Every structure is written in structure tokens, then in C-alpha cells.
Amino acid sequence: MCGLAYNGINSFLFDFHHTDSSSKAFSLSTASMNRSITKLYAEADKCILLCSNCHRIEHYNLKCNKSTQLSTKVTQTDKIPDKE
């Protein structure tokens, strides 16, 4: 939303945002790392990356029924690479 892009070293700035909260099985966080890699990848496929500030703005807007800056259909351009 703000234009911040992942550059290989700034991953700590980003959050996983579920584009459809009804399909959310669990939050992706360090607390969920006890799940299988298959389940983690499946859950990540339901998400887009937002910087932490944009993620909070998005949830505030959703909570207040305000229009959001995200389009209703998100195009995923970069998939998580398959585990080798």
C-alpha cells in the first residue's frame, strides 16, 4: 500500500495479511512454527505481505467499515518458493 518493497534484508518490517479472514486457519507468527511446513505454506498462500503500519491501517479500516486501500482481488506476483 505504501510502496515499501522487500529487499532481502528487511523482512522484519512485514506482516502476513489474510485477504479473506473467513479462510484463515491460524495466524502466521513464531507461535505457529510448530506446524508442518505444508500447513505453513498453505496458510501463507492465503496472505499478502504488508508493512506493519499498512497492516494496522488495513485492519482499522476493516473494523470501522471504511473502504480499504486493497483491491477486492489481489494478484499474487511472487509465490513462496517450494521447499527443496
C-alpha atoms as a PDB file:
ATOM      1  CA  MET A   1       0.000   0.000   0.000  1.00  0.00           C
ATOM      2  CA  CYS A   2       2.805   2.426   0.888  1.00  0.00           C
ATOM      3  CA  GLY A   3       5.285   1.188  -1.707  1.00  0.00           C
ATOM      4  CA  LEU A   4       7.792  -0.367   0.674  1.00  0.00           C
ATOM      5  CA  ALA A   5       9.304  -3.381  -1.061  1.00  0.00           C
ATOM      6  CA  TYR A   6      11.050  -6.426   0.326  1.00  0.00           C
ATOM      7  CA  ASN A   7      14.786  -6.119  -0.388  1.00  0.00           C
ATOM      8  CA  GLY A   8      16.188  -9.301   1.096  1.00  0.00           C
ATOM      9  CA  ILE A   9      17.110  -7.860   4.495  1.00  0.00           C
ATOM     10  CA  ASN A  10      14.002  -6.004   5.682  1.00  0.00           C
ATOM     11  CA  SER A  11      11.666  -8.957   6.318  1.00  0.00           C
ATOM     12  CA  PHE A  12      11.155  -7.823   9.918  1.00  0.00           C
ATOM     13  CA  LEU A  13       9.116  -4.876   8.609  1.00  0.00           C
ATOM     14  CA  PHE A  14       6.384  -7.040   7.075  1.00  0.00           C
ATOM     15  CA  ASP A  15       3.305  -8.886   8.308  1.00  0.00           C
ATOM     16  CA  PHE A  16       1.228 -11.588   6.643  1.00  0.00           C
ATOM     17  CA  HIS A  17      -2.254 -10.242   5.894  1.00  0.00           C
ATOM     18  CA  HIS A  18      -5.062 -12.698   5.170  1.00  0.00           C
ATOM     19  CA  THR A  19      -7.003 -11.325   2.212  1.00  0.00           C
ATOM     20  CA  ASP A  20     -10.079 -13.348   3.251  1.00  0.00           C
ATOM     21  CA  SER A  21     -10.426 -13.594   7.013  1.00  0.00           C
ATOM     22  CA  SER A  22     -13.050 -16.341   6.702  1.00  0.00           C
ATOM     23  CA  SER A  23     -10.417 -18.687   5.240  1.00  0.00           C
ATOM     24  CA  LYS A  24      -7.887 -18.014   7.999  1.00  0.00           C
ATOM     25  CA  ALA A  25      -6.968 -21.214   9.843  1.00  0.00           C
ATOM     26  CA  PHE A  26      -4.292 -19.645  12.056  1.00  0.00           C
ATOM     27  CA  SER A  27      -2.017 -16.606  12.295  1.00  0.00           C
ATOM     28  CA  LEU A  28       1.430 -16.838  10.798  1.00  0.00           C
ATOM     29  CA  SER A  29       3.806 -15.990  13.608  1.00  0.00           C
ATOM     30  CA  THR A  30       6.587 -17.568  15.592  1.00  0.00           C
ATOM     31  CA  ALA A  31       3.900 -19.218  17.726  1.00  0.00           C
ATOM     32  CA  SER A  32       2.684 -21.185  14.684  1.00  0.00           C
ATOM     33  CA  MET A  33       6.098 -22.578  13.752  1.00  0.00           C
ATOM     34  CA  ASN A  34       5.267 -25.931  15.377  1.00  0.00           C
ATOM     35  CA  ARG A  35       3.020 -26.749  12.404  1.00  0.00           C
ATOM     36  CA  SER A  36       4.097 -28.709   9.370  1.00  0.00           C
ATOM     37  CA  ILE A  37       5.780 -26.865   6.521  1.00  0.00           C
ATOM     38  CA  THR A  38       2.888 -27.926   4.270  1.00  0.00           C
ATOM     39  CA  LYS A  39       0.351 -26.227   6.562  1.00  0.00           C
ATOM     40  CA  LEU A  40       2.524 -23.113   6.849  1.00  0.00           C
ATOM     41  CA  TYR A  41       2.834 -22.824   3.059  1.00  0.00           C
ATOM     42  CA  ALA A  42      -0.912 -23.378   2.614  1.00  0.00           C
ATOM     43  CA  GLU A  43      -1.680 -20.606   5.101  1.00  0.00           C
ATOM     44  CA  ALA A  44       0.896 -18.236   3.573  1.00  0.00           C
ATOM     45  CA  ASP A  45      -0.746 -18.724   0.167  1.00  0.00           C
ATOM     46  CA  LYS A  46      -3.862 -17.057   1.622  1.00  0.00           C
ATOM     47  CA  CYS A  47      -1.866 -13.930   2.505  1.00  0.00           C
ATOM     48  CA  ILE A  48      -0.153 -10.910   1.078  1.00  0.00           C
ATOM     49  CA  LEU A  49       2.720  -9.059   2.704  1.00  0.00           C
ATOM     50  CA  LEU A  50       2.055  -5.613   4.112  1.00  0.00           C
ATOM     51  CA  CYS A  51       4.416  -3.439   6.084  1.00  0.00           C
ATOM     52  CA  SER A  52       3.390  -3.438   9.735  1.00  0.00           C
ATOM     53  CA  ASN A  53       1.972   0.103   9.569  1.00  0.00           C
ATOM     54  CA  CYS A  54      -0.123  -0.598   6.468  1.00  0.00           C
ATOM     55  CA  HIS A  55      -1.323  -3.852   8.034  1.00  0.00           C
ATOM     56  CA  ARG A  56      -2.615  -1.992  11.075  1.00  0.00           C
ATOM     57  CA  ILE A  57      -4.255   0.685   8.919  1.00  0.00           C
ATOM     58  CA  GLU A  58      -5.948  -2.029   6.848  1.00  0.00           C
ATOM     59  CA  HIS A  59      -7.371  -3.744   9.939  1.00  0.00           C
ATOM     60  CA  TYR A  60      -8.517  -0.416  11.394  1.00  0.00           C
ATOM     61  CA  ASN A  61     -10.335   0.396   8.163  1.00  0.00           C
ATOM     62  CA  LEU A  62     -11.943  -3.053   8.058  1.00  0.00           C
ATOM     63  CA  LYS A  63     -13.039  -2.752  11.695  1.00  0.00           C
ATOM     64  CA  CYS A  64     -14.573   0.673  11.085  1.00  0.00           C
ATOM     65  CA  ASN A  65     -16.210  -0.418   7.818  1.00  0.00           C
ATOM     66  CA  LYS A  66     -14.178   2.142   5.937  1.00  0.00           C
ATOM     67  CA  SER A  67     -13.109   1.497   2.392  1.00  0.00           C
ATOM     68  CA  THR A  68      -9.713  -0.120   2.279  1.00  0.00           C
ATOM     69  CA  GLN A  69      -6.772   0.610   0.050  1.00  0.00           C
ATOM     70  CA  LEU A  70      -6.529  -3.009  -1.022  1.00  0.00           C
ATOM     71  CA  SER A  71      -8.388  -4.037  -4.117  1.00  0.00           C
ATOM     72  CA  THR A  72     -11.032  -6.711  -3.718  1.00  0.00           C
ATOM     73  CA  LYS A  73      -8.918  -9.040  -5.838  1.00  0.00           C
ATOM     74  CA  VAL A  74      -5.239  -9.254  -5.037  1.00  0.00           C
ATOM     75  CA  THR A  75      -2.909 -10.556  -7.693  1.00  0.00           C
ATOM     76  CA  GLN A  76      -0.141 -12.630  -6.246  1.00  0.00           C
ATOM     77  CA  THR A  77       3.036 -11.946  -8.204  1.00  0.00           C
ATOM     78  CA  ASP A  78       5.581 -13.744  -6.070  1.00  0.00           C
ATOM     79  CA  LYS A  79       4.886 -17.191  -4.686  1.00  0.00           C
ATOM     80  CA  ILE A  80       6.842 -18.603  -1.807  1.00  0.00           C
ATOM     81  CA  PRO A  81       9.428 -20.914  -3.366  1.00  0.00           C
ATOM     82  CA  ASP A  82       8.869 -24.630  -2.916  1.00  0.00           C
ATOM     83  CA  LYS A  83      10.941 -26.205  -0.212  1.00  0.00           C
ATOM     84  CA  GLU A  84      13.781 -28.165  -1.760  1.00  0.00           C
END
